[in-house]
Amino acid sequence: MDDLSIHLKALQRVTFVFLAICMMGWALIPSVRSIAAGLVLGGIVSLVNSYFLAYKIRNVTKKVLEEGQKRVNLGLLTRVAMAILAVMVAVKSDSVNVYATVAGLLFAQFIILFIGFTQTRKNK
């Protein structure tokens, strides 16, 4: 199993725990429902974007190694469009907090950074 798969599995576990906590907050505390809904929406899109980026990285690596193709596409526009779509859903909906959605969109990046630091410390 390569490092990318290990990082994605750890990210998936942490994200699911985060989403479960947010859903419990949404169900149990009515005053934070819009914030929890925004965090869930942003967290799901962030996880999907991470999986899409990993898929594109694997495909690009495969193409470069097999065909020697130099021009690559990592799907930045697709990931940005998904993030914009999540923010647009939050803006149009009264029950979803926009700021929490944006914070949720950044969740996977911070978790991957933390996972990378801990894996580096383990390997030393």
N, C-alpha and C. Protein backbone atom coordinates (compact mmCIF):
# COMPACT_ATOMS: atom_id res chain seq x y z
N MET A 1 0.85 -1.18 0.00
CA MET A 1 0.00 0.00 0.00
C MET A 1 0.89 1.24 0.00
N ASP A 2 0.63 2.18 -0.89
CA ASP A 2 1.45 3.37 -1.00
C ASP A 2 1.04 4.42 0.04
N ASP A 3 1.87 5.45 0.15
CA ASP A 3 1.62 6.50 1.13
C ASP A 3 0.31 7.24 0.86
N LEU A 4 -0.02 7.43 -0.39
CA LEU A 4 -1.25 8.14 -0.73
C LEU A 4 -2.48 7.39 -0.21
N SER A 5 -2.49 6.09 -0.35
CA SER A 5 -3.61 5.29 0.15
C SER A 5 -3.69 5.33 1.67
N ILE A 6 -2.55 5.30 2.33
CA ILE A 6 -2.52 5.37 3.79
C ILE A 6 -3.06 6.71 4.26
N HIS A 7 -2.63 7.79 3.62
CA HIS A 7 -3.11 9.12 3.98
C HIS A 7 -4.61 9.26 3.72
N LEU A 8 -5.09 8.72 2.62
CA LEU A 8 -6.52 8.81 2.31
C LEU A 8 -7.37 8.02 3.30
N LYS A 9 -6.89 6.86 3.71
CA LYS A 9 -7.64 6.08 4.70
C LYS A 9 -7.71 6.82 6.03
N ALA A 10 -6.60 7.40 6.44
CA ALA A 10 -6.59 8.17 7.69
C ALA A 10 -7.49 9.40 7.57
N LEU A 11 -7.44 10.06 6.42
CA LEU A 11 -8.30 11.22 6.20
C LEU A 11 -9.77 10.81 6.24
N GLN A 12 -10.09 9.68 5.65
CA GLN A 12 -11.48 9.22 5.64
C GLN A 12 -11.96 8.93 7.06
N ARG A 13 -11.14 8.28 7.86
CA ARG A 13 -11.53 7.98 9.24
C ARG A 13 -11.77 9.26 10.03
N VAL A 14 -10.82 10.19 9.95
CA VAL A 14 -10.95 11.43 10.71
C VAL A 14 -12.15 12.24 10.23
N THR A 15 -12.37 12.28 8.92
CA THR A 15 -13.50 13.03 8.39
C THR A 15 -14.82 12.43 8.82
N PHE A 16 -14.93 11.11 8.82
CA PHE A 16 -16.18 10.48 9.24
C PHE A 16 -16.46 10.73 10.73
N VAL A 17 -15.42 10.73 11.54
CA VAL A 17 -15.61 11.06 12.96
C VAL A 17 -16.06 12.51 13.09
N PHE A 18 -15.42 13.41 12.35
CA PHE A 18 -15.79 14.83 12.36
C PHE A 18 -17.24 15.01 11.92
N LEU A 19 -17.63 14.34 10.84
CA LEU A 19 -19.00 14.46 10.34
C LEU A 19 -20.00 13.89 11.34
N ALA A 20 -19.64 12.81 12.01
CA ALA A 20 -20.53 12.23 13.02
C ALA A 20 -20.73 13.19 14.19
N ILE A 21 -19.65 13.84 14.61
CA ILE A 21 -19.74 14.82 15.70
C ILE A 21 -20.61 15.99 15.27
N CYS A 22 -20.43 16.45 14.04
CA CYS A 22 -21.25 17.56 13.53
C CYS A 22 -22.72 17.17 13.45
N MET A 23 -22.99 15.95 13.00
CA MET A 23 -24.38 15.50 12.90
C MET A 23 -25.01 15.34 14.29
N MET A 24 -24.23 14.90 15.26
CA MET A 24 -24.75 14.82 16.62
C MET A 24 -25.04 16.22 17.16
N GLY A 25 -24.16 17.17 16.87
CA GLY A 25 -24.41 18.55 17.26
C GLY A 25 -25.64 19.11 16.58
N TRP A 26 -25.83 18.77 15.31
CA TRP A 26 -27.00 19.23 14.57
C TRP A 26 -28.28 18.66 15.19
N ALA A 27 -28.24 17.39 15.58
CA ALA A 27 -29.44 16.73 16.10
C ALA A 27 -29.75 17.13 17.54
N LEU A 28 -28.73 17.39 18.34
CA LEU A 28 -28.94 17.59 19.77
C LEU A 28 -29.01 19.05 20.19
N ILE A 29 -28.37 19.94 19.44
CA ILE A 29 -28.30 21.35 19.84
C ILE A 29 -28.91 22.20 18.73
N PRO A 30 -30.16 22.61 18.89
CA PRO A 30 -30.83 23.36 17.82
C PRO A 30 -30.18 24.71 17.49
N SER A 31 -29.49 25.30 18.44
CA SER A 31 -28.91 26.63 18.20
C SER A 31 -27.70 26.59 17.26
N VAL A 32 -27.09 25.42 17.06
CA VAL A 32 -25.93 25.31 16.18
C VAL A 32 -26.22 24.52 14.92
N ARG A 33 -27.50 24.35 14.59
CA ARG A 33 -27.86 23.54 13.43
C ARG A 33 -27.29 24.09 12.13
N SER A 34 -27.35 25.40 11.92
CA SER A 34 -26.86 25.95 10.65
C SER A 34 -25.34 25.82 10.55
N ILE A 35 -24.64 25.98 11.66
CA ILE A 35 -23.19 25.84 11.65
C ILE A 35 -22.80 24.38 11.39
N ALA A 36 -23.48 23.46 12.07
CA ALA A 36 -23.19 22.04 11.87
C ALA A 36 -23.49 21.62 10.44
N ALA A 37 -24.60 22.12 9.88
CA ALA A 37 -24.94 21.78 8.50
C ALA A 37 -23.88 22.32 7.53
N GLY A 38 -23.38 23.51 7.78
CA GLY A 38 -22.32 24.07 6.94
C GLY A 38 -21.04 23.27 7.03
N LEU A 39 -20.68 22.86 8.24
CA LEU A 39 -19.47 22.06 8.41
C LEU A 39 -19.61 20.70 7.73
N VAL A 40 -20.79 20.11 7.80
CA VAL A 40 -21.02 18.83 7.14
C VAL A 40 -20.92 18.99 5.63
N LEU A 41 -21.58 20.01 5.09
CA LEU A 41 -21.53 20.24 3.64
C LEU A 41 -20.10 20.48 3.17
N GLY A 42 -19.38 21.36 3.86
CA GLY A 42 -17.99 21.64 3.49
C GLY A 42 -17.09 20.44 3.68
N GLY A 43 -17.30 19.67 4.74
CA GLY A 43 -16.48 18.49 4.99
C GLY A 43 -16.66 17.42 3.94
N ILE A 44 -17.91 17.21 3.51
CA ILE A 44 -18.16 16.21 2.47
C ILE A 44 -17.52 16.62 1.15
N VAL A 45 -17.69 17.88 0.77
CA VAL A 45 -17.09 18.35 -0.49
C VAL A 45 -15.57 18.30 -0.39
N SER A 46 -15.02 18.62 0.77
CA SER A 46 -13.58 18.56 0.96
C SER A 46 -13.05 17.13 0.81
N LEU A 47 -13.76 16.17 1.37
CA LEU A 47 -13.36 14.77 1.24
C LEU A 47 -13.46 14.30 -0.21
N VAL A 48 -14.55 14.66 -0.88
CA VAL A 48 -14.71 14.28 -2.29
C VAL A 48 -13.60 14.90 -3.14
N ASN A 49 -13.28 16.16 -2.88
CA ASN A 49 -12.19 16.82 -3.62
C ASN A 49 -10.86 16.13 -3.37
N SER A 50 -10.62 15.67 -2.15
CA SER A 50 -9.37 14.96 -1.85
C SER A 50 -9.29 13.65 -2.61
N TYR A 51 -10.39 12.91 -2.65
CA TYR A 51 -10.40 11.66 -3.40
C TYR A 51 -10.24 11.91 -4.89
N PHE A 52 -10.85 12.96 -5.40
CA PHE A 52 -10.70 13.28 -6.81
C PHE A 52 -9.26 13.66 -7.14
N LEU A 53 -8.62 14.43 -6.27
CA LEU A 53 -7.22 14.80 -6.49
C LEU A 53 -6.32 13.56 -6.45
N ALA A 54 -6.58 12.66 -5.53
CA ALA A 54 -5.79 11.42 -5.46
C ALA A 54 -5.96 10.59 -6.73
N TYR A 55 -7.20 10.53 -7.22
CA TYR A 55 -7.47 9.82 -8.47
C TYR A 55 -6.69 10.44 -9.63
N LYS A 56 -6.71 11.76 -9.72
CA LYS A 56 -6.00 12.44 -10.80
C LYS A 56 -4.48 12.26 -10.67
N ILE A 57 -3.97 12.28 -9.45
CA ILE A 57 -2.53 12.09 -9.24
C ILE A 57 -2.12 10.69 -9.69
N ARG A 58 -2.91 9.69 -9.35
CA ARG A 58 -2.59 8.33 -9.78
C ARG A 58 -2.62 8.20 -11.30
N ASN A 59 -3.63 8.81 -11.95
CA ASN A 59 -3.71 8.75 -13.41
C ASN A 59 -2.56 9.48 -14.08
N VAL A 60 -2.22 10.64 -13.57
CA VAL A 60 -1.12 11.42 -14.15
C VAL A 60 0.19 10.67 -13.99
N THR A 61 0.41 10.10 -12.82
CA THR A 61 1.64 9.34 -12.59
C THR A 61 1.73 8.16 -13.54
N LYS A 62 0.62 7.46 -13.71
CA LYS A 62 0.58 6.32 -14.62
C LYS A 62 0.88 6.75 -16.06
N LYS A 63 0.27 7.84 -16.50
CA LYS A 63 0.48 8.31 -17.87
C LYS A 63 1.92 8.76 -18.10
N VAL A 64 2.48 9.45 -17.13
CA VAL A 64 3.85 9.93 -17.28
C VAL A 64 4.82 8.76 -17.32
N LEU A 65 4.61 7.76 -16.48
CA LEU A 65 5.52 6.62 -16.45
C LEU A 65 5.39 5.74 -17.68
N GLU A 66 4.17 5.58 -18.18
CA GLU A 66 3.97 4.69 -19.32
C GLU A 66 4.23 5.38 -20.66
N GLU A 67 3.67 6.55 -20.82
CA GLU A 67 3.71 7.20 -22.12
C GLU A 67 4.73 8.32 -22.21
N GLY A 68 5.24 8.77 -21.10
CA GLY A 68 6.17 9.88 -21.11
C GLY A 68 5.51 11.21 -21.43
N GLN A 69 4.21 11.28 -21.22
CA GLN A 69 3.47 12.51 -21.50
C GLN A 69 3.90 13.60 -20.52
N LYS A 70 4.18 14.78 -21.04
CA LYS A 70 4.68 15.85 -20.18
C LYS A 70 3.57 16.79 -19.71
N ARG A 71 2.54 16.95 -20.49
CA ARG A 71 1.46 17.86 -20.11
C ARG A 71 0.43 17.08 -19.28
N VAL A 72 0.14 17.60 -18.09
CA VAL A 72 -0.77 16.90 -17.19
C VAL A 72 -1.87 17.85 -16.71
N ASN A 73 -2.96 17.27 -16.23
CA ASN A 73 -4.10 18.03 -15.72
C ASN A 73 -4.52 17.40 -14.41
N LEU A 74 -4.52 18.18 -13.34
CA LEU A 74 -4.90 17.66 -12.04
C LEU A 74 -6.32 18.01 -11.65
N GLY A 75 -7.11 18.58 -12.56
CA GLY A 75 -8.51 18.83 -12.30
C GLY A 75 -8.79 19.96 -11.34
N LEU A 76 -7.98 21.00 -11.38
CA LEU A 76 -8.18 22.13 -10.48
C LEU A 76 -9.54 22.78 -10.69
N LEU A 77 -9.93 22.98 -11.93
CA LEU A 77 -11.20 23.64 -12.20
C LEU A 77 -12.39 22.83 -11.68
N THR A 78 -12.31 21.53 -11.76
CA THR A 78 -13.38 20.68 -11.24
C THR A 78 -13.49 20.82 -9.72
N ARG A 79 -12.36 20.80 -9.05
CA ARG A 79 -12.38 20.92 -7.59
C ARG A 79 -12.84 22.30 -7.14
N VAL A 80 -12.43 23.33 -7.85
CA VAL A 80 -12.88 24.69 -7.53
C VAL A 80 -14.38 24.82 -7.79
N ALA A 81 -14.86 24.22 -8.89
CA ALA A 81 -16.29 24.28 -9.20
C ALA A 81 -17.11 23.58 -8.12
N MET A 82 -16.61 22.47 -7.59
CA MET A 82 -17.32 21.78 -6.52
C MET A 82 -17.37 22.63 -5.26
N ALA A 83 -16.28 23.32 -4.95
CA ALA A 83 -16.25 24.19 -3.78
C ALA A 83 -17.21 25.37 -3.97
N ILE A 84 -17.22 25.95 -5.16
CA ILE A 84 -18.14 27.06 -5.43
C ILE A 84 -19.58 26.60 -5.35
N LEU A 85 -19.86 25.41 -5.85
CA LEU A 85 -21.21 24.86 -5.77
C LEU A 85 -21.65 24.69 -4.32
N ALA A 86 -20.76 24.22 -3.46
CA ALA A 86 -21.08 24.06 -2.04
C ALA A 86 -21.39 25.41 -1.40
N VAL A 87 -20.59 26.42 -1.74
CA VAL A 87 -20.82 27.76 -1.19
C VAL A 87 -22.13 28.33 -1.73
N MET A 88 -22.44 28.09 -2.99
CA MET A 88 -23.70 28.57 -3.56
C MET A 88 -24.90 27.90 -2.88
N VAL A 89 -24.81 26.62 -2.58
CA VAL A 89 -25.87 25.94 -1.85
C VAL A 89 -26.04 26.56 -0.47
N ALA A 90 -24.93 26.88 0.18
CA ALA A 90 -25.00 27.50 1.50
C ALA A 90 -25.60 28.89 1.44
N VAL A 91 -25.27 29.64 0.39
CA VAL A 91 -25.81 31.00 0.26
C VAL A 91 -27.31 30.96 0.00
N LYS A 92 -27.75 30.04 -0.83
CA LYS A 92 -29.18 29.94 -1.18
C LYS A 92 -30.02 29.36 -0.04
N SER A 93 -29.42 28.58 0.82
CA SER A 93 -30.16 27.94 1.90
C SER A 93 -30.04 28.75 3.19
N ASP A 94 -31.16 28.93 3.86
CA ASP A 94 -31.13 29.65 5.13
C ASP A 94 -30.66 28.76 6.28
N SER A 95 -30.70 27.46 6.09
CA SER A 95 -30.36 26.54 7.16
C SER A 95 -28.90 26.10 7.15
N VAL A 96 -28.10 26.69 6.26
CA VAL A 96 -26.68 26.33 6.17
C VAL A 96 -25.84 27.60 6.30
N ASN A 97 -24.92 27.61 7.22
CA ASN A 97 -24.05 28.75 7.46
C ASN A 97 -22.93 28.78 6.41
N VAL A 98 -22.77 29.93 5.75
CA VAL A 98 -21.78 30.05 4.68
C VAL A 98 -20.36 29.97 5.24
N TYR A 99 -20.11 30.63 6.34
CA TYR A 99 -18.76 30.64 6.92
C TYR A 99 -18.35 29.24 7.40
N ALA A 100 -19.31 28.51 7.94
CA ALA A 100 -19.02 27.13 8.36
C ALA A 100 -18.76 26.25 7.16
N THR A 101 -19.45 26.52 6.06
CA THR A 101 -19.20 25.74 4.83
C THR A 101 -17.80 25.97 4.32
N VAL A 102 -17.37 27.22 4.32
CA VAL A 102 -16.00 27.54 3.88
C VAL A 102 -14.97 26.90 4.82
N ALA A 103 -15.24 26.94 6.11
CA ALA A 103 -14.34 26.28 7.06
C ALA A 103 -14.30 24.77 6.83
N GLY A 104 -15.44 24.18 6.53
CA GLY A 104 -15.49 22.76 6.24
C GLY A 104 -14.74 22.40 4.97
N LEU A 105 -14.73 23.31 4.01
CA LEU A 105 -13.99 23.07 2.76
C LEU A 105 -12.49 22.97 3.01
N LEU A 106 -12.01 23.59 4.05
CA LEU A 106 -10.58 23.57 4.37
C LEU A 106 -10.20 22.41 5.29
N PHE A 107 -11.19 21.66 5.73
CA PHE A 107 -10.95 20.60 6.72
C PHE A 107 -9.95 19.55 6.24
N ALA A 108 -10.16 19.01 5.07
CA ALA A 108 -9.30 17.92 4.58
C ALA A 108 -7.85 18.37 4.40
N GLN A 109 -7.66 19.60 3.96
CA GLN A 109 -6.29 20.08 3.76
C GLN A 109 -5.53 20.13 5.09
N PHE A 110 -6.18 20.62 6.14
CA PHE A 110 -5.51 20.69 7.43
C PHE A 110 -5.27 19.30 8.01
N ILE A 111 -6.21 18.40 7.82
CA ILE A 111 -6.04 17.04 8.34
C ILE A 111 -4.92 16.32 7.59
N ILE A 112 -4.85 16.47 6.27
CA ILE A 112 -3.76 15.86 5.51
C ILE A 112 -2.41 16.42 5.95
N LEU A 113 -2.36 17.72 6.21
CA LEU A 113 -1.12 18.33 6.71
C LEU A 113 -0.72 17.72 8.04
N PHE A 114 -1.68 17.57 8.94
CA PHE A 114 -1.41 16.97 10.25
C PHE A 114 -0.98 15.52 10.11
N ILE A 115 -1.66 14.77 9.24
CA ILE A 115 -1.31 13.36 9.00
C ILE A 115 0.11 13.27 8.43
N GLY A 116 0.46 14.15 7.52
CA GLY A 116 1.81 14.16 6.95
C GLY A 116 2.87 14.42 8.00
N PHE A 117 2.60 15.37 8.90
CA PHE A 117 3.55 15.65 9.98
C PHE A 117 3.72 14.45 10.90
N THR A 118 2.61 13.81 11.26
CA THR A 118 2.72 12.67 12.17
C THR A 118 3.41 11.48 11.49
N GLN A 119 3.16 11.25 10.21
CA GLN A 119 3.84 10.17 9.49
C GLN A 119 5.32 10.46 9.38
N THR A 120 5.69 11.70 9.17
CA THR A 120 7.11 12.06 9.09
C THR A 120 7.81 11.83 10.41
N ARG A 121 7.14 12.18 11.50
CA ARG A 121 7.74 11.96 12.82
C ARG A 121 7.88 10.47 13.13
N LYS A 122 6.91 9.67 12.67
CA LYS A 122 6.98 8.22 12.91
C LYS A 122 8.14 7.60 12.14
N ASN A 123 8.39 8.10 10.94
CA ASN A 123 9.43 7.51 10.07
C ASN A 123 10.83 7.89 10.51
N LYS A 124 10.99 8.89 11.35
CA LYS A 124 12.34 9.32 11.76
C LYS A 124 12.93 8.38 12.76
